[in-house]
Amino acid sequence: MRHKLFDRGVFTLNSYMVFRVALNTQGTCSMEEWLLCCRGQEVRNLVQPEYYPENDFIYWHIREVFMGPAQCVK
């Protein structure tokens, strides 16, 4: 489910590995609850550094896929 949401641009990561959620996000209560819980949170440290996405891909995802603008963190 989370991978599909990422692919559809519902959320993205910034270059600091912080979750950004699209302002116009709509869906089930559980999906919105999960997204709101993650909004503004940093991705936990990964075991293998090579699992981190390249900055070029993050920038591409924000520019081409993310349905921004992002929600403000409260």
PDB file of N, CA and C in Angstrom:
ATOM      1  N   MET A   1       0.826  -1.188   0.000  1.00  0.00           N
ATOM      2  CA  MET A   1       0.000   0.000   0.000  1.00  0.00           C
ATOM      3  C   MET A   1       0.874   1.257   0.000  1.00  0.00           C
ATOM      4  N   ARG A   2       1.876   1.308   0.858  1.00  0.00           N
ATOM      5  CA  ARG A   2       2.718   2.512   0.960  1.00  0.00           C
ATOM      6  C   ARG A   2       3.496   2.769  -0.319  1.00  0.00           C
ATOM      7  N   HIS A   3       3.950   1.692  -0.943  1.00  0.00           N
ATOM      8  CA  HIS A   3       4.696   1.839  -2.188  1.00  0.00           C
ATOM      9  C   HIS A   3       3.802   2.441  -3.266  1.00  0.00           C
ATOM     10  N   LYS A   4       2.536   2.007  -3.334  1.00  0.00           N
ATOM     11  CA  LYS A   4       1.594   2.569  -4.305  1.00  0.00           C
ATOM     12  C   LYS A   4       1.355   4.051  -4.046  1.00  0.00           C
ATOM     13  N   LEU A   5       1.243   4.423  -2.778  1.00  0.00           N
ATOM     14  CA  LEU A   5       1.026   5.831  -2.436  1.00  0.00           C
ATOM     15  C   LEU A   5       2.212   6.676  -2.878  1.00  0.00           C
ATOM     16  N   PHE A   6       3.417   6.135  -2.716  1.00  0.00           N
ATOM     17  CA  PHE A   6       4.624   6.831  -3.157  1.00  0.00           C
ATOM     18  C   PHE A   6       4.619   6.958  -4.682  1.00  0.00           C
ATOM     19  N   ASP A   7       4.291   5.845  -5.375  1.00  0.00           N
ATOM     20  CA  ASP A   7       4.259   5.853  -6.833  1.00  0.00           C
ATOM     21  C   ASP A   7       3.229   6.832  -7.387  1.00  0.00           C
ATOM     22  N   ARG A   8       2.152   7.032  -6.655  1.00  0.00           N
ATOM     23  CA  ARG A   8       1.087   7.935  -7.107  1.00  0.00           C
ATOM     24  C   ARG A   8       1.315   9.374  -6.673  1.00  0.00           C
ATOM     25  N   GLY A   9       2.378   9.633  -5.937  1.00  0.00           N
ATOM     26  CA  GLY A   9       2.728  10.995  -5.556  1.00  0.00           C
ATOM     27  C   GLY A   9       1.991  11.529  -4.348  1.00  0.00           C
ATOM     28  N   VAL A  10       1.382  10.636  -3.572  1.00  0.00           N
ATOM     29  CA  VAL A  10       0.664  11.058  -2.368  1.00  0.00           C
ATOM     30  C   VAL A  10       1.657  11.547  -1.315  1.00  0.00           C
ATOM     31  N   PHE A  11       2.823  10.917  -1.264  1.00  0.00           N
ATOM     32  CA  PHE A  11       3.884  11.394  -0.375  1.00  0.00           C
ATOM     33  C   PHE A  11       5.214  11.260  -1.081  1.00  0.00           C
ATOM     34  N   THR A  12       6.191  11.965  -0.560  1.00  0.00           N
ATOM     35  CA  THR A  12       7.548  11.899  -1.086  1.00  0.00           C
ATOM     36  C   THR A  12       8.511  12.085   0.078  1.00  0.00           C
ATOM     37  N   LEU A  13       9.774  12.112  -0.223  1.00  0.00           N
ATOM     38  CA  LEU A  13      10.818  12.397   0.768  1.00  0.00           C
ATOM     39  C   LEU A  13      11.572  13.618   0.278  1.00  0.00           C
ATOM     40  N   ASN A  14      12.114  14.385   1.211  1.00  0.00           N
ATOM     41  CA  ASN A  14      12.986  15.468   0.772  1.00  0.00           C
ATOM     42  C   ASN A  14      14.433  15.008   0.887  1.00  0.00           C
ATOM     43  N   SER A  15      15.371  15.870   0.593  1.00  0.00           N
ATOM     44  CA  SER A  15      16.785  15.471   0.596  1.00  0.00           C
ATOM     45  C   SER A  15      17.306  15.134   1.994  1.00  0.00           C
ATOM     46  N   TYR A  16      16.547  15.488   3.032  1.00  0.00           N
ATOM     47  CA  TYR A  16      16.914  15.148   4.410  1.00  0.00           C
ATOM     48  C   TYR A  16      16.215  13.878   4.874  1.00  0.00           C
ATOM     49  N   MET A  17      15.560  13.169   3.929  1.00  0.00           N
ATOM     50  CA  MET A  17      14.844  11.915   4.202  1.00  0.00           C
ATOM     51  C   MET A  17      13.669  12.131   5.168  1.00  0.00           C
ATOM     52  N   VAL A  18      12.965  13.238   4.992  1.00  0.00           N
ATOM     53  CA  VAL A  18      11.792  13.566   5.792  1.00  0.00           C
ATOM     54  C   VAL A  18      10.557  13.401   4.914  1.00  0.00           C
ATOM     55  N   PHE A  19       9.515  12.743   5.474  1.00  0.00           N
ATOM     56  CA  PHE A  19       8.270  12.524   4.751  1.00  0.00           C
ATOM     57  C   PHE A  19       7.557  13.852   4.487  1.00  0.00           C
ATOM     58  N   ARG A  20       7.110  14.028   3.262  1.00  0.00           N
ATOM     59  CA  ARG A  20       6.279  15.171   2.875  1.00  0.00           C
ATOM     60  C   ARG A  20       4.998  14.589   2.272  1.00  0.00           C
ATOM     61  N   VAL A  21       3.858  15.035   2.764  1.00  0.00           N
ATOM     62  CA  VAL A  21       2.561  14.529   2.332  1.00  0.00           C
ATOM     63  C   VAL A  21       1.860  15.615   1.523  1.00  0.00           C
ATOM     64  N   ALA A  22       1.261  15.226   0.390  1.00  0.00           N
ATOM     65  CA  ALA A  22       0.570  16.182  -0.470  1.00  0.00           C
ATOM     66  C   ALA A  22      -0.624  16.794   0.252  1.00  0.00           C
ATOM     67  N   LEU A  23      -0.824  18.058   0.030  1.00  0.00           N
ATOM     68  CA  LEU A  23      -1.895  18.807   0.674  1.00  0.00           C
ATOM     69  C   LEU A  23      -3.273  18.269   0.305  1.00  0.00           C
ATOM     70  N   ASN A  24      -3.471  17.861  -0.929  1.00  0.00           N
ATOM     71  CA  ASN A  24      -4.784  17.401  -1.381  1.00  0.00           C
ATOM     72  C   ASN A  24      -4.991  15.895  -1.223  1.00  0.00           C
ATOM     73  N   THR A  25      -4.336  15.270  -0.257  1.00  0.00           N
ATOM     74  CA  THR A  25      -4.450  13.840  -0.030  1.00  0.00           C
ATOM     75  C   THR A  25      -5.857  13.475   0.423  1.00  0.00           C
ATOM     76  N   GLN A  26      -6.413  12.452  -0.216  1.00  0.00           N
ATOM     77  CA  GLN A  26      -7.714  11.919   0.168  1.00  0.00           C
ATOM     78  C   GLN A  26      -7.637  10.413   0.128  1.00  0.00           C
ATOM     79  N   GLY A  27      -8.359   9.778   1.017  1.00  0.00           N
ATOM     80  CA  GLY A  27      -8.369   8.325   1.035  1.00  0.00           C
ATOM     81  C   GLY A  27      -9.101   7.817   2.253  1.00  0.00           C
ATOM     82  N   THR A  28      -8.850   6.573   2.580  1.00  0.00           N
ATOM     83  CA  THR A  28      -9.498   5.973   3.736  1.00  0.00           C
ATOM     84  C   THR A  28      -8.964   6.595   5.013  1.00  0.00           C
ATOM     85  N   CYS A  29      -9.713   6.440   6.076  1.00  0.00           N
ATOM     86  CA  CYS A  29      -9.290   6.984   7.374  1.00  0.00           C
ATOM     87  C   CYS A  29      -7.950   6.408   7.808  1.00  0.00           C
ATOM     88  N   SER A  30      -7.766   5.099   7.615  1.00  0.00           N
ATOM     89  CA  SER A  30      -6.512   4.474   8.057  1.00  0.00           C
ATOM     90  C   SER A  30      -5.329   4.968   7.240  1.00  0.00           C
ATOM     91  N   MET A  31      -5.526   5.183   5.930  1.00  0.00           N
ATOM     92  CA  MET A  31      -4.440   5.692   5.101  1.00  0.00           C
ATOM     93  C   MET A  31      -4.087   7.112   5.532  1.00  0.00           C
ATOM     94  N   GLU A  32      -5.100   7.957   5.688  1.00  0.00           N
ATOM     95  CA  GLU A  32      -4.834   9.332   6.094  1.00  0.00           C
ATOM     96  C   GLU A  32      -4.201   9.382   7.481  1.00  0.00           C
ATOM     97  N   GLU A  33      -4.634   8.498   8.373  1.00  0.00           N
ATOM     98  CA  GLU A  33      -4.059   8.454   9.720  1.00  0.00           C
ATOM     99  C   GLU A  33      -2.574   8.102   9.653  1.00  0.00           C
ATOM    100  N   TRP A  34      -2.224   7.113   8.838  1.00  0.00           N
ATOM    101  CA  TRP A  34      -0.822   6.705   8.696  1.00  0.00           C
ATOM    102  C   TRP A  34      -0.008   7.854   8.118  1.00  0.00           C
ATOM    103  N   LEU A  35      -0.534   8.490   7.067  1.00  0.00           N
ATOM    104  CA  LEU A  35       0.198   9.582   6.439  1.00  0.00           C
ATOM    105  C   LEU A  35       0.394  10.755   7.390  1.00  0.00           C
ATOM    106  N   LEU A  36      -0.651  11.115   8.118  1.00  0.00           N
ATOM    107  CA  LEU A  36      -0.537  12.233   9.049  1.00  0.00           C
ATOM    108  C   LEU A  36       0.440  11.918  10.169  1.00  0.00           C
ATOM    109  N   CYS A  37       0.493  10.659  10.557  1.00  0.00           N
ATOM    110  CA  CYS A  37       1.427  10.240  11.607  1.00  0.00           C
ATOM    111  C   CYS A  37       2.882  10.354  11.109  1.00  0.00           C
ATOM    112  N   CYS A  38       3.101  10.062   9.835  1.00  0.00           N
ATOM    113  CA  CYS A  38       4.454  10.085   9.270  1.00  0.00           C
ATOM    114  C   CYS A  38       4.888  11.468   8.804  1.00  0.00           C
ATOM    115  N   ARG A  39       3.921  12.350   8.551  1.00  0.00           N
ATOM    116  CA  ARG A  39       4.209  13.680   8.000  1.00  0.00           C
ATOM    117  C   ARG A  39       5.245  14.405   8.864  1.00  0.00           C
ATOM    118  N   GLY A  40       6.317  14.844   8.232  1.00  0.00           N
ATOM    119  CA  GLY A  40       7.367  15.591   8.924  1.00  0.00           C
ATOM    120  C   GLY A  40       8.359  14.719   9.687  1.00  0.00           C
ATOM    121  N   GLN A  41       8.170  13.412   9.657  1.00  0.00           N
ATOM    122  CA  GLN A  41       9.069  12.494  10.359  1.00  0.00           C
ATOM    123  C   GLN A  41      10.232  12.103   9.458  1.00  0.00           C
ATOM    124  N   GLU A  42      11.383  11.919  10.051  1.00  0.00           N
ATOM    125  CA  GLU A  42      12.558  11.484   9.308  1.00  0.00           C
ATOM    126  C   GLU A  42      12.557   9.968   9.190  1.00  0.00           C
ATOM    127  N   VAL A  43      12.982   9.470   8.029  1.00  0.00           N
ATOM    128  CA  VAL A  43      13.115   8.025   7.834  1.00  0.00           C
ATOM    129  C   VAL A  43      14.187   7.528   8.783  1.00  0.00           C
ATOM    130  N   ARG A  44      13.894   6.438   9.465  1.00  0.00           N
ATOM    131  CA  ARG A  44      14.896   5.898  10.406  1.00  0.00           C
ATOM    132  C   ARG A  44      16.133   5.446   9.647  1.00  0.00           C
ATOM    133  N   ASN A  45      17.243   5.387  10.349  1.00  0.00           N
ATOM    134  CA  ASN A  45      18.502   4.987   9.726  1.00  0.00           C
ATOM    135  C   ASN A  45      18.384   3.593   9.136  1.00  0.00           C
ATOM    136  N   LEU A  46      18.820   3.472   7.896  1.00  0.00           N
ATOM    137  CA  LEU A  46      18.783   2.174   7.228  1.00  0.00           C
ATOM    138  C   LEU A  46      20.049   1.399   7.537  1.00  0.00           C
ATOM    139  N   VAL A  47      19.914   0.090   7.570  1.00  0.00           N
ATOM    140  CA  VAL A  47      21.050  -0.769   7.898  1.00  0.00           C
ATOM    141  C   VAL A  47      22.148  -0.643   6.850  1.00  0.00           C
ATOM    142  N   GLN A  48      21.761  -0.609   5.582  1.00  0.00           N
ATOM    143  CA  GLN A  48      22.718  -0.526   4.494  1.00  0.00           C
ATOM    144  C   GLN A  48      22.647   0.864   3.852  1.00  0.00           C
ATOM    145  N   PRO A  49      23.704   1.637   3.899  1.00  0.00           N
ATOM    146  CA  PRO A  49      23.685   2.980   3.296  1.00  0.00           C
ATOM    147  C   PRO A  49      23.297   2.973   1.818  1.00  0.00           C
ATOM    148  N   GLU A  50      23.587   1.895   1.104  1.00  0.00           N
ATOM    149  CA  GLU A  50      23.250   1.848  -0.323  1.00  0.00           C
ATOM    150  C   GLU A  50      21.740   1.758  -0.573  1.00  0.00           C
ATOM    151  N   TYR A  51      20.957   1.543   0.474  1.00  0.00           N
ATOM    152  CA  TYR A  51      19.497   1.513   0.326  1.00  0.00           C
ATOM    153  C   TYR A  51      18.895   2.911   0.259  1.00  0.00           C
ATOM    154  N   TYR A  52      19.635   3.930   0.639  1.00  0.00           N
ATOM    155  CA  TYR A  52      19.132   5.294   0.547  1.00  0.00           C
ATOM    156  C   TYR A  52      18.989   5.674  -0.928  1.00  0.00           C
ATOM    157  N   PRO A  53      17.899   6.366  -1.272  1.00  0.00           N
ATOM    158  CA  PRO A  53      17.761   6.787  -2.669  1.00  0.00           C
ATOM    159  C   PRO A  53      18.750   7.902  -3.002  1.00  0.00           C
ATOM    160  N   GLU A  54      19.144   7.933  -4.245  1.00  0.00           N
ATOM    161  CA  GLU A  54      20.027   8.995  -4.722  1.00  0.00           C
ATOM    162  C   GLU A  54      19.263  10.318  -4.720  1.00  0.00           C
ATOM    163  N   ASN A  55      19.953  11.417  -4.421  1.00  0.00           N
ATOM    164  CA  ASN A  55      19.309  12.730  -4.420  1.00  0.00           C
ATOM    165  C   ASN A  55      18.678  13.071  -5.762  1.00  0.00           C
ATOM    166  N   ASP A  56      19.301  12.641  -6.860  1.00  0.00           N
ATOM    167  CA  ASP A  56      18.727  12.912  -8.181  1.00  0.00           C
ATOM    168  C   ASP A  56      17.343  12.297  -8.315  1.00  0.00           C
ATOM    169  N   PHE A  57      17.166  11.082  -7.792  1.00  0.00           N
ATOM    170  CA  PHE A  57      15.864  10.440  -7.871  1.00  0.00           C
ATOM    171  C   PHE A  57      14.852  11.152  -6.974  1.00  0.00           C
ATOM    172  N   ILE A  58      15.283  11.554  -5.780  1.00  0.00           N
ATOM    173  CA  ILE A  58      14.378  12.280  -4.884  1.00  0.00           C
ATOM    174  C   ILE A  58      13.891  13.553  -5.571  1.00  0.00           C
ATOM    175  N   TYR A  59      14.792  14.311  -6.165  1.00  0.00           N
ATOM    176  CA  TYR A  59      14.415  15.552  -6.855  1.00  0.00           C
ATOM    177  C   TYR A  59      13.480  15.263  -8.027  1.00  0.00           C
ATOM    178  N   TRP A  60      13.751  14.191  -8.771  1.00  0.00           N
ATOM    179  CA  TRP A  60      12.887  13.815  -9.893  1.00  0.00           C
ATOM    180  C   TRP A  60      11.491  13.489  -9.377  1.00  0.00           C
ATOM    181  N   HIS A  61      11.402  12.712  -8.298  1.00  0.00           N
ATOM    182  CA  HIS A  61      10.095  12.320  -7.748  1.00  0.00           C
ATOM    183  C   HIS A  61       9.303  13.548  -7.300  1.00  0.00           C
ATOM    184  N   ILE A  62       9.955  14.479  -6.652  1.00  0.00           N
ATOM    185  CA  ILE A  62       9.275  15.699  -6.205  1.00  0.00           C
ATOM    186  C   ILE A  62       8.777  16.497  -7.422  1.00  0.00           C
ATOM    187  N   ARG A  63       9.604  16.615  -8.423  1.00  0.00           N
ATOM    188  CA  ARG A  63       9.283  17.424  -9.602  1.00  0.00           C
ATOM    189  C   ARG A  63       8.226  16.772 -10.501  1.00  0.00           C
ATOM    190  N   GLU A  64       8.323  15.450 -10.697  1.00  0.00           N
ATOM    191  CA  GLU A  64       7.508  14.782 -11.714  1.00  0.00           C
ATOM    192  C   GLU A  64       6.334  13.971 -11.172  1.00  0.00           C
ATOM    193  N   VAL A  65       6.366  13.547  -9.911  1.00  0.00           N
ATOM    194  CA  VAL A  65       5.348  12.623  -9.399  1.00  0.00           C
ATOM    195  C   VAL A  65       4.563  13.206  -8.229  1.00  0.00           C
ATOM    196  N   PHE A  66       5.234  13.848  -7.316  1.00  0.00           N
ATOM    197  CA  PHE A  66       4.602  14.334  -6.095  1.00  0.00           C
ATOM    198  C   PHE A  66       3.476  15.314  -6.407  1.00  0.00           C
ATOM    199  N   MET A  67       2.320  15.105  -5.783  1.00  0.00           N
ATOM    200  CA  MET A  67       1.155  15.957  -5.997  1.00  0.00           C
ATOM    201  C   MET A  67       1.145  17.106  -5.000  1.00  0.00           C
ATOM    202  N   GLY A  68       2.277  17.809  -4.882  1.00  0.00           N
ATOM    203  CA  GLY A  68       2.419  18.888  -3.939  1.00  0.00           C
ATOM    204  C   GLY A  68       1.519  20.053  -4.247  1.00  0.00           C
ATOM    205  N   PRO A  69       1.452  21.021  -3.412  1.00  0.00           N
ATOM    206  CA  PRO A  69       2.396  21.314  -2.333  1.00  0.00           C
ATOM    207  C   PRO A  69       2.198  20.394  -1.143  1.00  0.00           C
ATOM    208  N   ALA A  70       3.199  20.405  -0.265  1.00  0.00           N
ATOM    209  CA  ALA A  70       3.167  19.560   0.924  1.00  0.00           C
ATOM    210  C   ALA A  70       2.351  20.206   2.035  1.00  0.00           C
ATOM    211  N   GLN A  71       1.778  19.347   2.873  1.00  0.00           N
ATOM    212  CA  GLN A  71       1.070  19.818   4.062  1.00  0.00           C
ATOM    213  C   GLN A  71       2.078  20.378   5.044  1.00  0.00           C
ATOM    214  N   CYS A  72       1.641  21.345   5.818  1.00  0.00           N
ATOM    215  CA  CYS A  72       2.475  21.868   6.894  1.00  0.00           C
ATOM    216  C   CYS A  72       2.451  20.899   8.064  1.00  0.00           C
ATOM    217  N   VAL A  73       3.558  20.812   8.770  1.00  0.00           N
ATOM    218  CA  VAL A  73       3.634  19.975   9.957  1.00  0.00           C
ATOM    219  C   VAL A  73       3.103  20.788  11.125  1.00  0.00           C
ATOM    220  N   LYS A  74       2.191  20.198  11.875  1.00  0.00           N
ATOM    221  CA  LYS A  74       1.580  20.913  12.999  1.00  0.00           C
ATOM    222  C   LYS A  74       2.239  20.574  14.300  1.00  0.00           C
TER     223      LYS A  74
END
